[in-house]
């Protein structure tokens, strides 16, 4: 799937990913390849990008909250602020 993580300052991640774990306002959840369409609010917490395949590497970001949209195997994460961990 294609993943884009955007902040007001610009893009901090853009590329292919196996999945992404997100801190939703009602609890953490994960979006994998070919996930159903979704829009959800995010809270302050840790976002995990699963790069490549199932056994690929992971990249972590501490985010300040925002929103995620999943549509046609494209995932767009809009966050107020993020720091790579």
C-alpha atoms as a PDB file:
ATOM      1  CA  UNK A   1       0.000   0.000   0.000  1.00  0.00           C
ATOM      2  CA  UNK A   2       1.046   3.623  -0.440  1.00  0.00           C
ATOM      3  CA  UNK A   3       1.530   5.571   2.793  1.00  0.00           C
ATOM      4  CA  UNK A   4       1.862   9.336   3.206  1.00  0.00           C
ATOM      5  CA  UNK A   5       2.391  11.014   6.579  1.00  0.00           C
ATOM      6  CA  UNK A   6       1.907  14.778   6.418  1.00  0.00           C
ATOM      7  CA  UNK A   7       2.414  17.575   8.942  1.00  0.00           C
ATOM      8  CA  UNK A   8       1.825  21.326   8.518  1.00  0.00           C
ATOM      9  CA  UNK A   9       5.569  21.604   7.801  1.00  0.00           C
ATOM     10  CA  UNK A  10       5.460  19.017   4.987  1.00  0.00           C
ATOM     11  CA  UNK A  11       5.748  15.298   4.266  1.00  0.00           C
ATOM     12  CA  UNK A  12       7.703  13.180   6.747  1.00  0.00           C
ATOM     13  CA  UNK A  13       7.069   9.805   5.072  1.00  0.00           C
ATOM     14  CA  UNK A  14       6.000   8.871   1.568  1.00  0.00           C
ATOM     15  CA  UNK A  15       6.356   5.394   0.135  1.00  0.00           C
ATOM     16  CA  UNK A  16       5.252   1.785   0.165  1.00  0.00           C
ATOM     17  CA  UNK A  17       4.445   0.085   3.459  1.00  0.00           C
ATOM     18  CA  UNK A  18       3.184  -3.305   4.583  1.00  0.00           C
ATOM     19  CA  UNK A  19       1.091  -1.676   7.303  1.00  0.00           C
ATOM     20  CA  UNK A  20       0.805   1.087   9.869  1.00  0.00           C
ATOM     21  CA  UNK A  21      -0.187   1.017  13.557  1.00  0.00           C
ATOM     22  CA  UNK A  22      -1.993   4.141  14.746  1.00  0.00           C
ATOM     23  CA  UNK A  23      -3.109   5.616  18.110  1.00  0.00           C
ATOM     24  CA  UNK A  24      -6.856   6.092  17.596  1.00  0.00           C
ATOM     25  CA  UNK A  25      -8.938   8.138  20.038  1.00  0.00           C
ATOM     26  CA  UNK A  26     -10.692   4.961  21.243  1.00  0.00           C
ATOM     27  CA  UNK A  27      -7.577   2.749  21.126  1.00  0.00           C
ATOM     28  CA  UNK A  28      -4.748   1.651  18.887  1.00  0.00           C
ATOM     29  CA  UNK A  29      -5.468  -0.019  15.564  1.00  0.00           C
ATOM     30  CA  UNK A  30      -3.603  -1.295  12.522  1.00  0.00           C
ATOM     31  CA  UNK A  31      -4.134  -0.781   8.797  1.00  0.00           C
ATOM     32  CA  UNK A  32      -2.710  -3.412   6.450  1.00  0.00           C
ATOM     33  CA  UNK A  33      -2.524  -3.799   2.678  1.00  0.00           C
ATOM     34  CA  UNK A  34      -5.968  -3.722   0.939  1.00  0.00           C
ATOM     35  CA  UNK A  35      -7.774  -2.434   4.063  1.00  0.00           C
ATOM     36  CA  UNK A  36     -11.401  -1.328   3.696  1.00  0.00           C
ATOM     37  CA  UNK A  37     -12.049   2.430   3.334  1.00  0.00           C
ATOM     38  CA  UNK A  38     -11.743   4.250   6.654  1.00  0.00           C
ATOM     39  CA  UNK A  39     -11.543   7.704   8.199  1.00  0.00           C
ATOM     40  CA  UNK A  40     -10.524   7.952  11.865  1.00  0.00           C
ATOM     41  CA  UNK A  41      -9.352  10.524  14.403  1.00  0.00           C
ATOM     42  CA  UNK A  42      -5.956  10.049  16.033  1.00  0.00           C
ATOM     43  CA  UNK A  43      -4.725  11.051  19.461  1.00  0.00           C
ATOM     44  CA  UNK A  44      -1.265  11.807  20.842  1.00  0.00           C
ATOM     45  CA  UNK A  45       0.838   8.653  20.800  1.00  0.00           C
ATOM     46  CA  UNK A  46       3.207   6.447  18.827  1.00  0.00           C
ATOM     47  CA  UNK A  47       2.711   5.621  15.158  1.00  0.00           C
ATOM     48  CA  UNK A  48       4.523   2.568  13.756  1.00  0.00           C
ATOM     49  CA  UNK A  49       5.252   2.186  10.032  1.00  0.00           C
ATOM     50  CA  UNK A  50       5.804  -1.430   8.937  1.00  0.00           C
ATOM     51  CA  UNK A  51       8.035  -1.054   5.905  1.00  0.00           C
ATOM     52  CA  UNK A  52       8.420  -3.606   3.104  1.00  0.00           C
ATOM     53  CA  UNK A  53       7.073  -7.078   3.909  1.00  0.00           C
ATOM     54  CA  UNK A  54       5.856  -8.734   7.116  1.00  0.00           C
ATOM     55  CA  UNK A  55       9.459  -9.244   8.287  1.00  0.00           C
ATOM     56  CA  UNK A  56      10.589  -5.782   7.164  1.00  0.00           C
ATOM     57  CA  UNK A  57      11.844  -2.943   9.312  1.00  0.00           C
ATOM     58  CA  UNK A  58       9.728  -0.637  11.432  1.00  0.00           C
ATOM     59  CA  UNK A  59       9.950   3.139  11.822  1.00  0.00           C
ATOM     60  CA  UNK A  60       8.352   4.953  14.761  1.00  0.00           C
ATOM     61  CA  UNK A  61       6.969   8.480  15.105  1.00  0.00           C
ATOM     62  CA  UNK A  62       5.546  10.243  18.159  1.00  0.00           C
ATOM     63  CA  UNK A  63       2.530  12.192  16.891  1.00  0.00           C
ATOM     64  CA  UNK A  64       0.419  14.965  18.400  1.00  0.00           C
ATOM     65  CA  UNK A  65      -2.931  13.818  16.992  1.00  0.00           C
ATOM     66  CA  UNK A  66      -4.709  14.171  13.683  1.00  0.00           C
ATOM     67  CA  UNK A  67      -6.627  12.045  11.187  1.00  0.00           C
ATOM     68  CA  UNK A  68      -6.121   9.053   8.886  1.00  0.00           C
ATOM     69  CA  UNK A  69      -7.869   8.271   5.604  1.00  0.00           C
ATOM     70  CA  UNK A  70      -7.696   4.867   3.887  1.00  0.00           C
ATOM     71  CA  UNK A  71      -9.019   4.707   0.317  1.00  0.00           C
ATOM     72  CA  UNK A  72      -8.065   2.539  -2.678  1.00  0.00           C
ATOM     73  CA  UNK A  73      -4.994   1.105  -0.913  1.00  0.00           C
ATOM     74  CA  UNK A  74      -3.690   4.634  -0.230  1.00  0.00           C
ATOM     75  CA  UNK A  75      -3.247   5.675   3.402  1.00  0.00           C
ATOM     76  CA  UNK A  76      -2.931   9.374   4.220  1.00  0.00           C
ATOM     77  CA  UNK A  77      -2.094  10.380   7.783  1.00  0.00           C
ATOM     78  CA  UNK A  78      -2.510  14.074   8.641  1.00  0.00           C
ATOM     79  CA  UNK A  79      -0.931  14.981  11.966  1.00  0.00           C
ATOM     80  CA  UNK A  80      -0.438  18.217  13.900  1.00  0.00           C
ATOM     81  CA  UNK A  81       3.170  17.367  14.659  1.00  0.00           C
ATOM     82  CA  UNK A  82       5.493  14.361  14.567  1.00  0.00           C
ATOM     83  CA  UNK A  83       8.983  13.396  15.708  1.00  0.00           C
ATOM     84  CA  UNK A  84      10.841  10.366  14.401  1.00  0.00           C
ATOM     85  CA  UNK A  85      11.895   8.104  17.280  1.00  0.00           C
END
